[in-house]
Amino acid sequence: MKKLKIYYCLLFIISSCIAKKDVYGNYQYKGVSYGFSKEYNLLIKKDSFSMSYKSQDASPKCIGKWNIFQDTLYLRCNKEKLVTNMLSRGYMNQRDYKLKIIGSKRLKMLKENIILSKK
């Protein structure tokens, strides 16, 4: 019984490490929503990420930290220190994102229901 628990713990740790290696890179989505073009760009680095969104009237961006739990990638934007940045059209109101990992080249944004593909 004890050996079985150790085996599962090691398997979980190894699978977590493999998933983190596969997730690095540039992801992109281009599409149309309600008649307007929409574009997401996501760059995942070893210890941080940057995401930008472009639509007709806005182009918000955010930089932050990420982590993976099972098959879900969690993005958390850094806190903005300047109020003027928060009031600009470059401020991303949503600060937390959940993305489901779909293989090594695709991520699904759960709230937006869109799929980002690796470049």
PDB file of N, CA and C in Angstrom:
ATOM      1  N   MET A   1       0.832  -1.199   0.000  1.00  0.00           N
ATOM      2  CA  MET A   1       0.000   0.000   0.000  1.00  0.00           C
ATOM      3  C   MET A   1       0.875   1.261   0.000  1.00  0.00           C
ATOM      4  N   LYS A   2       1.912   1.252   0.814  1.00  0.00           N
ATOM      5  CA  LYS A   2       2.800   2.401   0.911  1.00  0.00           C
ATOM      6  C   LYS A   2       3.540   2.610  -0.412  1.00  0.00           C
ATOM      7  N   LYS A   3       3.957   1.517  -1.044  1.00  0.00           N
ATOM      8  CA  LYS A   3       4.655   1.605  -2.324  1.00  0.00           C
ATOM      9  C   LYS A   3       3.742   2.187  -3.398  1.00  0.00           C
ATOM     10  N   LEU A   4       2.485   1.845  -3.338  1.00  0.00           N
ATOM     11  CA  LEU A   4       1.513   2.342  -4.316  1.00  0.00           C
ATOM     12  C   LEU A   4       1.335   3.863  -4.180  1.00  0.00           C
ATOM     13  N   LYS A   5       1.292   4.355  -2.954  1.00  0.00           N
ATOM     14  CA  LYS A   5       1.175   5.799  -2.723  1.00  0.00           C
ATOM     15  C   LYS A   5       2.411   6.537  -3.238  1.00  0.00           C
ATOM     16  N   ILE A   6       3.571   5.984  -2.989  1.00  0.00           N
ATOM     17  CA  ILE A   6       4.815   6.595  -3.468  1.00  0.00           C
ATOM     18  C   ILE A   6       4.834   6.603  -4.992  1.00  0.00           C
ATOM     19  N   TYR A   7       4.401   5.519  -5.604  1.00  0.00           N
ATOM     20  CA  TYR A   7       4.338   5.423  -7.064  1.00  0.00           C
ATOM     21  C   TYR A   7       3.441   6.518  -7.645  1.00  0.00           C
ATOM     22  N   TYR A   8       2.252   6.718  -7.070  1.00  0.00           N
ATOM     23  CA  TYR A   8       1.327   7.747  -7.556  1.00  0.00           C
ATOM     24  C   TYR A   8       1.892   9.151  -7.367  1.00  0.00           C
ATOM     25  N   CYS A   9       2.566   9.386  -6.255  1.00  0.00           N
ATOM     26  CA  CYS A   9       3.182  10.692  -6.024  1.00  0.00           C
ATOM     27  C   CYS A   9       4.265  10.972  -7.059  1.00  0.00           C
ATOM     28  N   LEU A  10       5.106  10.001  -7.328  1.00  0.00           N
ATOM     29  CA  LEU A  10       6.153  10.170  -8.342  1.00  0.00           C
ATOM     30  C   LEU A  10       5.562  10.367  -9.727  1.00  0.00           C
ATOM     31  N   LEU A  11       4.538   9.630 -10.047  1.00  0.00           N
ATOM     32  CA  LEU A  11       3.873   9.777 -11.344  1.00  0.00           C
ATOM     33  C   LEU A  11       3.285  11.173 -11.503  1.00  0.00           C
ATOM     34  N   PHE A  12       2.683  11.711 -10.452  1.00  0.00           N
ATOM     35  CA  PHE A  12       2.120  13.067 -10.487  1.00  0.00           C
ATOM     36  C   PHE A  12       3.218  14.109 -10.680  1.00  0.00           C
ATOM     37  N   ILE A  13       4.313  13.970  -9.972  1.00  0.00           N
ATOM     38  CA  ILE A  13       5.428  14.919 -10.080  1.00  0.00           C
ATOM     39  C   ILE A  13       6.032  14.885 -11.483  1.00  0.00           C
ATOM     40  N   ILE A  14       6.236  13.705 -12.012  1.00  0.00           N
ATOM     41  CA  ILE A  14       6.808  13.578 -13.355  1.00  0.00           C
ATOM     42  C   ILE A  14       5.873  14.159 -14.401  1.00  0.00           C
ATOM     43  N   SER A  15       4.581  13.886 -14.292  1.00  0.00           N
ATOM     44  CA  SER A  15       3.630  14.416 -15.282  1.00  0.00           C
ATOM     45  C   SER A  15       3.536  15.939 -15.191  1.00  0.00           C
ATOM     46  N   SER A  16       3.677  16.502 -14.008  1.00  0.00           N
ATOM     47  CA  SER A  16       3.669  17.957 -13.854  1.00  0.00           C
ATOM     48  C   SER A  16       4.872  18.580 -14.545  1.00  0.00           C
ATOM     49  N   CYS A  17       6.032  17.973 -14.405  1.00  0.00           N
ATOM     50  CA  CYS A  17       7.248  18.491 -15.039  1.00  0.00           C
ATOM     51  C   CYS A  17       7.148  18.414 -16.555  1.00  0.00           C
ATOM     52  N   ILE A  18       6.604  17.339 -17.078  1.00  0.00           N
ATOM     53  CA  ILE A  18       6.463  17.192 -18.528  1.00  0.00           C
ATOM     54  C   ILE A  18       5.514  18.247 -19.073  1.00  0.00           C
ATOM     55  N   ALA A  19       4.404  18.487 -18.404  1.00  0.00           N
ATOM     56  CA  ALA A  19       3.434  19.479 -18.870  1.00  0.00           C
ATOM     57  C   ALA A  19       4.033  20.881 -18.891  1.00  0.00           C
ATOM     58  N   LYS A  20       4.856  21.226 -17.907  1.00  0.00           N
ATOM     59  CA  LYS A  20       5.450  22.560 -17.864  1.00  0.00           C
ATOM     60  C   LYS A  20       6.409  22.781 -19.027  1.00  0.00           C
ATOM     61  N   LYS A  21       7.133  21.758 -19.445  1.00  0.00           N
ATOM     62  CA  LYS A  21       8.056  21.896 -20.565  1.00  0.00           C
ATOM     63  C   LYS A  21       7.305  22.138 -21.862  1.00  0.00           C
ATOM     64  N   ASP A  22       6.180  21.486 -22.038  1.00  0.00           N
ATOM     65  CA  ASP A  22       5.426  21.580 -23.288  1.00  0.00           C
ATOM     66  C   ASP A  22       4.670  22.894 -23.439  1.00  0.00           C
ATOM     67  N   VAL A  23       4.422  23.606 -22.382  1.00  0.00           N
ATOM     68  CA  VAL A  23       3.550  24.776 -22.427  1.00  0.00           C
ATOM     69  C   VAL A  23       4.277  26.063 -22.836  1.00  0.00           C
ATOM     70  N   TYR A  24       5.594  26.104 -22.768  1.00  0.00           N
ATOM     71  CA  TYR A  24       6.339  27.313 -23.132  1.00  0.00           C
ATOM     72  C   TYR A  24       6.115  27.662 -24.599  1.00  0.00           C
ATOM     73  N   GLY A  25       6.054  28.981 -24.892  1.00  0.00           N
ATOM     74  CA  GLY A  25       5.978  29.416 -26.278  1.00  0.00           C
ATOM     75  C   GLY A  25       4.949  30.502 -26.516  1.00  0.00           C
ATOM     76  N   ASN A  26       4.723  30.800 -27.802  1.00  0.00           N
ATOM     77  CA  ASN A  26       3.761  31.812 -28.242  1.00  0.00           C
ATOM     78  C   ASN A  26       2.462  31.141 -28.678  1.00  0.00           C
ATOM     79  N   TYR A  27       1.346  31.665 -28.197  1.00  0.00           N
ATOM     80  CA  TYR A  27       0.035  31.173 -28.590  1.00  0.00           C
ATOM     81  C   TYR A  27      -0.756  32.349 -29.151  1.00  0.00           C
ATOM     82  N   GLN A  28      -1.661  32.029 -30.091  1.00  0.00           N
ATOM     83  CA  GLN A  28      -2.404  33.109 -30.736  1.00  0.00           C
ATOM     84  C   GLN A  28      -3.809  32.646 -31.113  1.00  0.00           C
ATOM     85  N   TYR A  29      -4.729  33.599 -31.091  1.00  0.00           N
ATOM     86  CA  TYR A  29      -6.086  33.375 -31.580  1.00  0.00           C
ATOM     87  C   TYR A  29      -6.504  34.607 -32.377  1.00  0.00           C
ATOM     88  N   LYS A  30      -7.049  34.388 -33.553  1.00  0.00           N
ATOM     89  CA  LYS A  30      -7.630  35.467 -34.355  1.00  0.00           C
ATOM     90  C   LYS A  30      -9.003  35.010 -34.787  1.00  0.00           C
ATOM     91  N   GLY A  31      -9.991  35.872 -34.570  1.00  0.00           N
ATOM     92  CA  GLY A  31     -11.350  35.521 -34.943  1.00  0.00           C
ATOM     93  C   GLY A  31     -12.251  36.735 -34.966  1.00  0.00           C
ATOM     94  N   VAL A  32     -13.554  36.479 -35.125  1.00  0.00           N
ATOM     95  CA  VAL A  32     -14.553  37.538 -35.179  1.00  0.00           C
ATOM     96  C   VAL A  32     -15.635  37.224 -34.152  1.00  0.00           C
ATOM     97  N   SER A  33     -16.014  38.247 -33.395  1.00  0.00           N
ATOM     98  CA  SER A  33     -17.070  38.104 -32.396  1.00  0.00           C
ATOM     99  C   SER A  33     -17.998  39.309 -32.489  1.00  0.00           C
ATOM    100  N   TYR A  34     -19.279  39.054 -32.668  1.00  0.00           N
ATOM    101  CA  TYR A  34     -20.273  40.122 -32.805  1.00  0.00           C
ATOM    102  C   TYR A  34     -19.905  41.101 -33.924  1.00  0.00           C
ATOM    103  N   GLY A  35     -19.322  40.599 -34.989  1.00  0.00           N
ATOM    104  CA  GLY A  35     -18.978  41.422 -36.140  1.00  0.00           C
ATOM    105  C   GLY A  35     -17.671  42.189 -36.017  1.00  0.00           C
ATOM    106  N   PHE A  36     -16.959  42.039 -34.923  1.00  0.00           N
ATOM    107  CA  PHE A  36     -15.690  42.742 -34.716  1.00  0.00           C
ATOM    108  C   PHE A  36     -14.546  41.729 -34.625  1.00  0.00           C
ATOM    109  N   SER A  37     -13.402  42.117 -35.187  1.00  0.00           N
ATOM    110  CA  SER A  37     -12.251  41.217 -35.103  1.00  0.00           C
ATOM    111  C   SER A  37     -11.703  41.210 -33.680  1.00  0.00           C
ATOM    112  N   LYS A  38     -11.117  40.094 -33.331  1.00  0.00           N
ATOM    113  CA  LYS A  38     -10.630  39.866 -31.977  1.00  0.00           C
ATOM    114  C   LYS A  38      -9.330  39.089 -32.089  1.00  0.00           C
ATOM    115  N   GLU A  39      -8.337  39.457 -31.283  1.00  0.00           N
ATOM    116  CA  GLU A  39      -7.046  38.784 -31.349  1.00  0.00           C
ATOM    117  C   GLU A  39      -6.439  38.669 -29.953  1.00  0.00           C
ATOM    118  N   TYR A  40      -6.031  37.467 -29.597  1.00  0.00           N
ATOM    119  CA  TYR A  40      -5.322  37.218 -28.342  1.00  0.00           C
ATOM    120  C   TYR A  40      -3.911  36.757 -28.669  1.00  0.00           C
ATOM    121  N   ASN A  41      -2.932  37.240 -27.933  1.00  0.00           N
ATOM    122  CA  ASN A  41      -1.549  36.790 -28.033  1.00  0.00           C
ATOM    123  C   ASN A  41      -1.072  36.457 -26.627  1.00  0.00           C
ATOM    124  N   LEU A  42      -0.503  35.289 -26.463  1.00  0.00           N
ATOM    125  CA  LEU A  42      -0.022  34.829 -25.167  1.00  0.00           C
ATOM    126  C   LEU A  42       1.392  34.288 -25.330  1.00  0.00           C
ATOM    127  N   LEU A  43       2.316  34.814 -24.545  1.00  0.00           N
ATOM    128  CA  LEU A  43       3.701  34.344 -24.523  1.00  0.00           C
ATOM    129  C   LEU A  43       3.978  33.772 -23.142  1.00  0.00           C
ATOM    130  N   ILE A  44       4.301  32.495 -23.094  1.00  0.00           N
ATOM    131  CA  ILE A  44       4.597  31.834 -21.823  1.00  0.00           C
ATOM    132  C   ILE A  44       6.091  31.555 -21.762  1.00  0.00           C
ATOM    133  N   LYS A  45       6.724  32.118 -20.755  1.00  0.00           N
ATOM    134  CA  LYS A  45       8.154  31.899 -20.508  1.00  0.00           C
ATOM    135  C   LYS A  45       8.312  30.995 -19.294  1.00  0.00           C
ATOM    136  N   LYS A  46       9.544  30.750 -18.923  1.00  0.00           N
ATOM    137  CA  LYS A  46       9.829  29.834 -17.820  1.00  0.00           C
ATOM    138  C   LYS A  46       9.153  30.236 -16.520  1.00  0.00           C
ATOM    139  N   ASP A  47       9.197  31.512 -16.164  1.00  0.00           N
ATOM    140  CA  ASP A  47       8.652  31.937 -14.876  1.00  0.00           C
ATOM    141  C   ASP A  47       7.631  33.062 -14.979  1.00  0.00           C
ATOM    142  N   SER A  48       7.217  33.436 -16.193  1.00  0.00           N
ATOM    143  CA  SER A  48       6.239  34.525 -16.349  1.00  0.00           C
ATOM    144  C   SER A  48       5.482  34.370 -17.662  1.00  0.00           C
ATOM    145  N   PHE A  49       4.505  35.234 -17.856  1.00  0.00           N
ATOM    146  CA  PHE A  49       3.755  35.259 -19.105  1.00  0.00           C
ATOM    147  C   PHE A  49       3.406  36.697 -19.438  1.00  0.00           C
ATOM    148  N   SER A  50       3.082  36.941 -20.688  1.00  0.00           N
ATOM    149  CA  SER A  50       2.518  38.223 -21.095  1.00  0.00           C
ATOM    150  C   SER A  50       1.378  37.913 -22.061  1.00  0.00           C
ATOM    151  N   MET A  51       0.289  38.633 -21.885  1.00  0.00           N
ATOM    152  CA  MET A  51      -0.884  38.419 -22.720  1.00  0.00           C
ATOM    153  C   MET A  51      -1.400  39.765 -23.201  1.00  0.00           C
ATOM    154  N   SER A  52      -1.820  39.791 -24.449  1.00  0.00           N
ATOM    155  CA  SER A  52      -2.437  40.998 -24.995  1.00  0.00           C
ATOM    156  C   SER A  52      -3.689  40.598 -25.747  1.00  0.00           C
ATOM    157  N   TYR A  53      -4.611  41.538 -25.806  1.00  0.00           N
ATOM    158  CA  TYR A  53      -5.895  41.338 -26.452  1.00  0.00           C
ATOM    159  C   TYR A  53      -6.148  42.550 -27.330  1.00  0.00           C
ATOM    160  N   LYS A  54      -6.546  42.340 -28.558  1.00  0.00           N
ATOM    161  CA  LYS A  54      -6.846  43.456 -29.447  1.00  0.00           C
ATOM    162  C   LYS A  54      -8.267  43.321 -29.960  1.00  0.00           C
ATOM    163  N   SER A  55      -8.990  44.420 -29.854  1.00  0.00           N
ATOM    164  CA  SER A  55     -10.331  44.492 -30.426  1.00  0.00           C
ATOM    165  C   SER A  55     -10.463  45.865 -31.081  1.00  0.00           C
ATOM    166  N   GLN A  56     -11.665  46.206 -31.471  1.00  0.00           N
ATOM    167  CA  GLN A  56     -11.861  47.458 -32.196  1.00  0.00           C
ATOM    168  C   GLN A  56     -11.421  48.686 -31.394  1.00  0.00           C
ATOM    169  N   ASP A  57     -11.793  48.759 -30.126  1.00  0.00           N
ATOM    170  CA  ASP A  57     -11.552  49.971 -29.337  1.00  0.00           C
ATOM    171  C   ASP A  57     -10.510  49.836 -28.233  1.00  0.00           C
ATOM    172  N   ALA A  58      -9.967  48.657 -28.034  1.00  0.00           N
ATOM    173  CA  ALA A  58      -9.050  48.481 -26.908  1.00  0.00           C
ATOM    174  C   ALA A  58      -7.920  47.528 -27.266  1.00  0.00           C
ATOM    175  N   SER A  59      -6.853  47.679 -26.534  1.00  0.00           N
ATOM    176  CA  SER A  59      -5.724  46.748 -26.678  1.00  0.00           C
ATOM    177  C   SER A  59      -5.037  46.557 -25.320  1.00  0.00           C
ATOM    178  N   PRO A  60      -5.758  45.942 -24.371  1.00  0.00           N
ATOM    179  CA  PRO A  60      -5.180  45.746 -23.038  1.00  0.00           C
ATOM    180  C   PRO A  60      -4.082  44.686 -23.038  1.00  0.00           C
ATOM    181  N   LYS A  61      -3.183  44.820 -22.058  1.00  0.00           N
ATOM    182  CA  LYS A  61      -2.065  43.892 -21.894  1.00  0.00           C
ATOM    183  C   LYS A  61      -1.890  43.589 -20.415  1.00  0.00           C
ATOM    184  N   CYS A  62      -1.306  42.446 -20.146  1.00  0.00           N
ATOM    185  CA  CYS A  62      -0.960  42.142 -18.760  1.00  0.00           C
ATOM    186  C   CYS A  62       0.240  41.202 -18.731  1.00  0.00           C
ATOM    187  N   ILE A  63       0.992  41.302 -17.650  1.00  0.00           N
ATOM    188  CA  ILE A  63       2.167  40.473 -17.400  1.00  0.00           C
ATOM    189  C   ILE A  63       1.974  39.866 -16.018  1.00  0.00           C
ATOM    190  N   GLY A  64       2.376  38.625 -15.856  1.00  0.00           N
ATOM    191  CA  GLY A  64       2.205  38.010 -14.553  1.00  0.00           C
ATOM    192  C   GLY A  64       2.882  36.658 -14.434  1.00  0.00           C
ATOM    193  N   LYS A  65       2.426  35.899 -13.459  1.00  0.00           N
ATOM    194  CA  LYS A  65       2.966  34.570 -13.154  1.00  0.00           C
ATOM    195  C   LYS A  65       1.942  33.509 -13.536  1.00  0.00           C
ATOM    196  N   TRP A  66       2.425  32.314 -13.763  1.00  0.00           N
ATOM    197  CA  TRP A  66       1.549  31.209 -14.119  1.00  0.00           C
ATOM    198  C   TRP A  66       1.938  29.963 -13.332  1.00  0.00           C
ATOM    199  N   ASN A  67       0.975  29.019 -13.244  1.00  0.00           N
ATOM    200  CA  ASN A  67       1.264  27.700 -12.699  1.00  0.00           C
ATOM    201  C   ASN A  67       0.311  26.688 -13.318  1.00  0.00           C
ATOM    202  N   ILE A  68       0.651  25.427 -13.189  1.00  0.00           N
ATOM    203  CA  ILE A  68      -0.144  24.344 -13.757  1.00  0.00           C
ATOM    204  C   ILE A  68      -0.568  23.415 -12.636  1.00  0.00           C
ATOM    205  N   PHE A  69      -1.840  23.023 -12.680  1.00  0.00           N
ATOM    206  CA  PHE A  69      -2.335  21.973 -11.803  1.00  0.00           C
ATOM    207  C   PHE A  69      -3.119  21.008 -12.678  1.00  0.00           C
ATOM    208  N   GLN A  70      -2.682  19.780 -12.722  1.00  0.00           N
ATOM    209  CA  GLN A  70      -3.230  18.734 -13.583  1.00  0.00           C
ATOM    210  C   GLN A  70      -3.210  19.205 -15.038  1.00  0.00           C
ATOM    211  N   ASP A  71      -4.366  19.380 -15.683  1.00  0.00           N
ATOM    212  CA  ASP A  71      -4.382  19.786 -17.095  1.00  0.00           C
ATOM    213  C   ASP A  71      -4.861  21.228 -17.269  1.00  0.00           C
ATOM    214  N   THR A  72      -4.740  22.032 -16.221  1.00  0.00           N
ATOM    215  CA  THR A  72      -5.207  23.420 -16.271  1.00  0.00           C
ATOM    216  C   THR A  72      -4.051  24.377 -16.007  1.00  0.00           C
ATOM    217  N   LEU A  73      -3.950  25.386 -16.861  1.00  0.00           N
ATOM    218  CA  LEU A  73      -2.941  26.439 -16.736  1.00  0.00           C
ATOM    219  C   LEU A  73      -3.617  27.651 -16.117  1.00  0.00           C
ATOM    220  N   TYR A  74      -3.076  28.148 -15.021  1.00  0.00           N
ATOM    221  CA  TYR A  74      -3.619  29.306 -14.321  1.00  0.00           C
ATOM    222  C   TYR A  74      -2.711  30.508 -14.556  1.00  0.00           C
ATOM    223  N   LEU A  75      -3.300  31.599 -15.031  1.00  0.00           N
ATOM    224  CA  LEU A  75      -2.568  32.838 -15.251  1.00  0.00           C
ATOM    225  C   LEU A  75      -3.062  33.881 -14.264  1.00  0.00           C
ATOM    226  N   ARG A  76      -2.145  34.579 -13.622  1.00  0.00           N
ATOM    227  CA  ARG A  76      -2.503  35.653 -12.685  1.00  0.00           C
ATOM    228  C   ARG A  76      -1.683  36.882 -13.037  1.00  0.00           C
ATOM    229  N   CYS A  77      -2.368  37.948 -13.457  1.00  0.00           N
ATOM    230  CA  CYS A  77      -1.704  39.200 -13.829  1.00  0.00           C
ATOM    231  C   CYS A  77      -1.165  39.900 -12.586  1.00  0.00           C
ATOM    232  N   ASN A  78      -0.038  40.573 -12.750  1.00  0.00           N
ATOM    233  CA  ASN A  78       0.533  41.366 -11.657  1.00  0.00           C
ATOM    234  C   ASN A  78      -0.395  42.527 -11.321  1.00  0.00           C
ATOM    235  N   LYS A  79      -0.325  42.977 -10.072  1.00  0.00           N
ATOM    236  CA  LYS A  79      -1.123  44.131  -9.658  1.00  0.00           C
ATOM    237  C   LYS A  79      -0.551  45.391 -10.280  1.00  0.00           C
ATOM    238  N   GLU A  80      -1.423  46.247 -10.701  1.00  0.00           N
ATOM    239  CA  GLU A  80      -1.025  47.528 -11.303  1.00  0.00           C
ATOM    240  C   GLU A  80      -0.843  48.538 -10.186  1.00  0.00           C
ATOM    241  N   LYS A  81       0.277  49.242 -10.186  1.00  0.00           N
ATOM    242  CA  LYS A  81       0.592  50.181  -9.109  1.00  0.00           C
ATOM    243  C   LYS A  81       0.055  51.580  -9.369  1.00  0.00           C
ATOM    244  N   LEU A  82      -0.027  51.967 -10.627  1.00  0.00           N
ATOM    245  CA  LEU A  82      -0.469  53.318 -10.958  1.00  0.00           C
ATOM    246  C   LEU A  82      -1.950  53.340 -11.351  1.00  0.00           C
ATOM    247  N   VAL A  83      -2.696  54.242 -10.748  1.00  0.00           N
ATOM    248  CA  VAL A  83      -4.118  54.377 -11.040  1.00  0.00           C
ATOM    249  C   VAL A  83      -4.329  54.814 -12.491  1.00  0.00           C
ATOM    250  N   THR A  84      -3.426  55.629 -13.009  1.00  0.00           N
ATOM    251  CA  THR A  84      -3.566  56.090 -14.395  1.00  0.00           C
ATOM    252  C   THR A  84      -3.496  54.914 -15.374  1.00  0.00           C
ATOM    253  N   ASN A  85      -2.703  53.902 -15.067  1.00  0.00           N
ATOM    254  CA  ASN A  85      -2.660  52.713 -15.918  1.00  0.00           C
ATOM    255  C   ASN A  85      -3.967  51.936 -15.853  1.00  0.00           C
ATOM    256  N   MET A  86      -4.585  51.908 -14.678  1.00  0.00           N
ATOM    257  CA  MET A  86      -5.857  51.210 -14.518  1.00  0.00           C
ATOM    258  C   MET A  86      -6.981  51.897 -15.285  1.00  0.00           C
ATOM    259  N   LEU A  87      -6.882  53.191 -15.461  1.00  0.00           N
ATOM    260  CA  LEU A  87      -7.919  53.941 -16.152  1.00  0.00           C
ATOM    261  C   LEU A  87      -7.701  53.994 -17.668  1.00  0.00           C
ATOM    262  N   SER A  88      -6.573  53.531 -18.124  1.00  0.00           N
ATOM    263  CA  SER A  88      -6.278  53.589 -19.561  1.00  0.00           C
ATOM    264  C   SER A  88      -6.947  52.423 -20.286  1.00  0.00           C
ATOM    265  N   ARG A  89      -7.008  52.521 -21.602  1.00  0.00           N
ATOM    266  CA  ARG A  89      -7.621  51.444 -22.379  1.00  0.00           C
ATOM    267  C   ARG A  89      -6.668  50.269 -22.549  1.00  0.00           C
ATOM    268  N   GLY A  90      -5.448  50.391 -22.035  1.00  0.00           N
ATOM    269  CA  GLY A  90      -4.479  49.309 -22.079  1.00  0.00           C
ATOM    270  C   GLY A  90      -4.515  48.422 -20.848  1.00  0.00           C
ATOM    271  N   TYR A  91      -5.440  48.689 -19.912  1.00  0.00           N
ATOM    272  CA  TYR A  91      -5.545  47.910 -18.678  1.00  0.00           C
ATOM    273  C   TYR A  91      -6.496  46.735 -18.895  1.00  0.00           C
ATOM    274  N   MET A  92      -6.072  45.559 -18.527  1.00  0.00           N
ATOM    275  CA  MET A  92      -6.894  44.366 -18.650  1.00  0.00           C
ATOM    276  C   MET A  92      -7.689  44.192 -17.358  1.00  0.00           C
ATOM    277  N   ASN A  93      -9.016  44.345 -17.440  1.00  0.00           N
ATOM    278  CA  ASN A  93      -9.859  44.258 -16.245  1.00  0.00           C
ATOM    279  C   ASN A  93      -9.826  42.879 -15.608  1.00  0.00           C
ATOM    280  N   GLN A  94      -9.905  41.858 -16.414  1.00  0.00           N
ATOM    281  CA  GLN A  94      -9.839  40.501 -15.879  1.00  0.00           C
ATOM    282  C   GLN A  94      -8.388  40.213 -15.539  1.00  0.00           C
ATOM    283  N   ARG A  95      -8.122  39.796 -14.309  1.00  0.00           N
ATOM    284  CA  ARG A  95      -6.741  39.614 -13.846  1.00  0.00           C
ATOM    285  C   ARG A  95      -6.344  38.146 -13.682  1.00  0.00           C
ATOM    286  N   ASP A  96      -7.304  37.232 -13.720  1.00  0.00           N
ATOM    287  CA  ASP A  96      -7.030  35.801 -13.574  1.00  0.00           C
ATOM    288  C   ASP A  96      -7.661  35.042 -14.737  1.00  0.00           C
ATOM    289  N   TYR A  97      -6.928  34.066 -15.250  1.00  0.00           N
ATOM    290  CA  TYR A  97      -7.410  33.270 -16.375  1.00  0.00           C
ATOM    291  C   TYR A  97      -7.157  31.796 -16.107  1.00  0.00           C
ATOM    292  N   LYS A  98      -8.076  30.962 -16.596  1.00  0.00           N
ATOM    293  CA  LYS A  98      -7.909  29.519 -16.548  1.00  0.00           C
ATOM    294  C   LYS A  98      -7.932  29.013 -17.982  1.00  0.00           C
ATOM    295  N   LEU A  99      -6.913  28.236 -18.334  1.00  0.00           N
ATOM    296  CA  LEU A  99      -6.825  27.660 -19.664  1.00  0.00           C
ATOM    297  C   LEU A  99      -6.627  26.155 -19.542  1.00  0.00           C
ATOM    298  N   LYS A 100      -7.394  25.410 -20.287  1.00  0.00           N
ATOM    299  CA  LYS A 100      -7.259  23.961 -20.302  1.00  0.00           C
ATOM    300  C   LYS A 100      -6.212  23.594 -21.338  1.00  0.00           C
ATOM    301  N   ILE A 101      -5.276  22.740 -20.962  1.00  0.00           N
ATOM    302  CA  ILE A 101      -4.221  22.309 -21.874  1.00  0.00           C
ATOM    303  C   ILE A 101      -4.780  21.195 -22.752  1.00  0.00           C
ATOM    304  N   ILE A 102      -4.785  21.453 -24.061  1.00  0.00           N
ATOM    305  CA  ILE A 102      -5.278  20.476 -25.033  1.00  0.00           C
ATOM    306  C   ILE A 102      -4.078  20.059 -25.886  1.00  0.00           C
ATOM    307  N   GLY A 103      -3.373  19.076 -25.473  1.00  0.00           N
ATOM    308  CA  GLY A 103      -2.175  18.648 -26.191  1.00  0.00           C
ATOM    309  C   GLY A 103      -1.032  19.623 -25.967  1.00  0.00           C
ATOM    310  N   SER A 104      -0.013  19.539 -26.829  1.00  0.00           N
ATOM    311  CA  SER A 104       1.170  20.376 -26.638  1.00  0.00           C
ATOM    312  C   SER A 104       1.103  21.680 -27.427  1.00  0.00           C
ATOM    313  N   LYS A 105       0.088  21.854 -28.270  1.00  0.00           N
ATOM    314  CA  LYS A 105       0.050  23.040 -29.119  1.00  0.00           C
ATOM    315  C   LYS A 105      -1.234  23.845 -29.019  1.00  0.00           C
ATOM    316  N   ARG A 106      -2.116  23.503 -28.088  1.00  0.00           N
ATOM    317  CA  ARG A 106      -3.372  24.246 -27.988  1.00  0.00           C
ATOM    318  C   ARG A 106      -3.793  24.439 -26.539  1.00  0.00           C
ATOM    319  N   LEU A 107      -4.361  25.624 -26.278  1.00  0.00           N
ATOM    320  CA  LEU A 107      -4.895  25.973 -24.965  1.00  0.00           C
ATOM    321  C   LEU A 107      -6.314  26.508 -25.163  1.00  0.00           C
ATOM    322  N   LYS A 108      -7.233  26.104 -24.312  1.00  0.00           N
ATOM    323  CA  LYS A 108      -8.613  26.591 -24.406  1.00  0.00           C
ATOM    324  C   LYS A 108      -8.883  27.532 -23.249  1.00  0.00           C
ATOM    325  N   MET A 109      -9.230  28.803 -23.578  1.00  0.00           N
ATOM    326  CA  MET A 109      -9.610  29.775 -22.541  1.00  0.00           C
ATOM    327  C   MET A 109     -11.020  29.431 -22.103  1.00  0.00           C
ATOM    328  N   LEU A 110     -11.180  29.073 -20.839  1.00  0.00           N
ATOM    329  CA  LEU A 110     -12.458  28.540 -20.376  1.00  0.00           C
ATOM    330  C   LEU A 110     -13.576  29.576 -20.359  1.00  0.00           C
ATOM    331  N   LYS A 111     -13.333  30.793 -19.913  1.00  0.00           N
ATOM    332  CA  LYS A 111     -14.399  31.805 -19.881  1.00  0.00           C
ATOM    333  C   LYS A 111     -14.778  32.287 -21.272  1.00  0.00           C
ATOM    334  N   GLU A 112     -13.796  32.468 -22.130  1.00  0.00           N
ATOM    335  CA  GLU A 112     -14.022  32.995 -23.475  1.00  0.00           C
ATOM    336  C   GLU A 112     -14.454  31.905 -24.449  1.00  0.00           C
ATOM    337  N   ASN A 113     -14.174  30.652 -24.119  1.00  0.00           N
ATOM    338  CA  ASN A 113     -14.471  29.528 -24.978  1.00  0.00           C
ATOM    339  C   ASN A 113     -13.806  29.645 -26.354  1.00  0.00           C
ATOM    340  N   ILE A 114     -12.528  30.041 -26.345  1.00  0.00           N
ATOM    341  CA  ILE A 114     -11.748  30.115 -27.576  1.00  0.00           C
ATOM    342  C   ILE A 114     -10.502  29.254 -27.413  1.00  0.00           C
ATOM    343  N   ILE A 115      -9.912  28.865 -28.529  1.00  0.00           N
ATOM    344  CA  ILE A 115      -8.722  28.026 -28.488  1.00  0.00           C
ATOM    345  C   ILE A 115      -7.533  28.789 -29.051  1.00  0.00           C
ATOM    346  N   LEU A 116      -6.489  28.894 -28.243  1.00  0.00           N
ATOM    347  CA  LEU A 116      -5.235  29.518 -28.645  1.00  0.00           C
ATOM    348  C   LEU A 116      -4.321  28.434 -29.203  1.00  0.00           C
ATOM    349  N   SER A 117      -3.726  28.695 -30.357  1.00  0.00           N
ATOM    350  CA  SER A 117      -2.829  27.740 -31.000  1.00  0.00           C
ATOM    351  C   SER A 117      -1.393  28.229 -30.933  1.00  0.00           C
ATOM    352  N   LYS A 118      -0.476  27.279 -30.764  1.00  0.00           N
ATOM    353  CA  LYS A 118       0.948  27.607 -30.700  1.00  0.00           C
ATOM    354  C   LYS A 118       1.450  27.973 -32.092  1.00  0.00           C
ATOM    355  N   LYS A 119       2.241  29.035 -32.160  1.00  0.00           N
ATOM    356  CA  LYS A 119       2.820  29.466 -33.440  1.00  0.00           C
ATOM    357  C   LYS A 119       3.927  28.535 -33.859  1.00  0.00           C
TER     358      LYS A 119
END
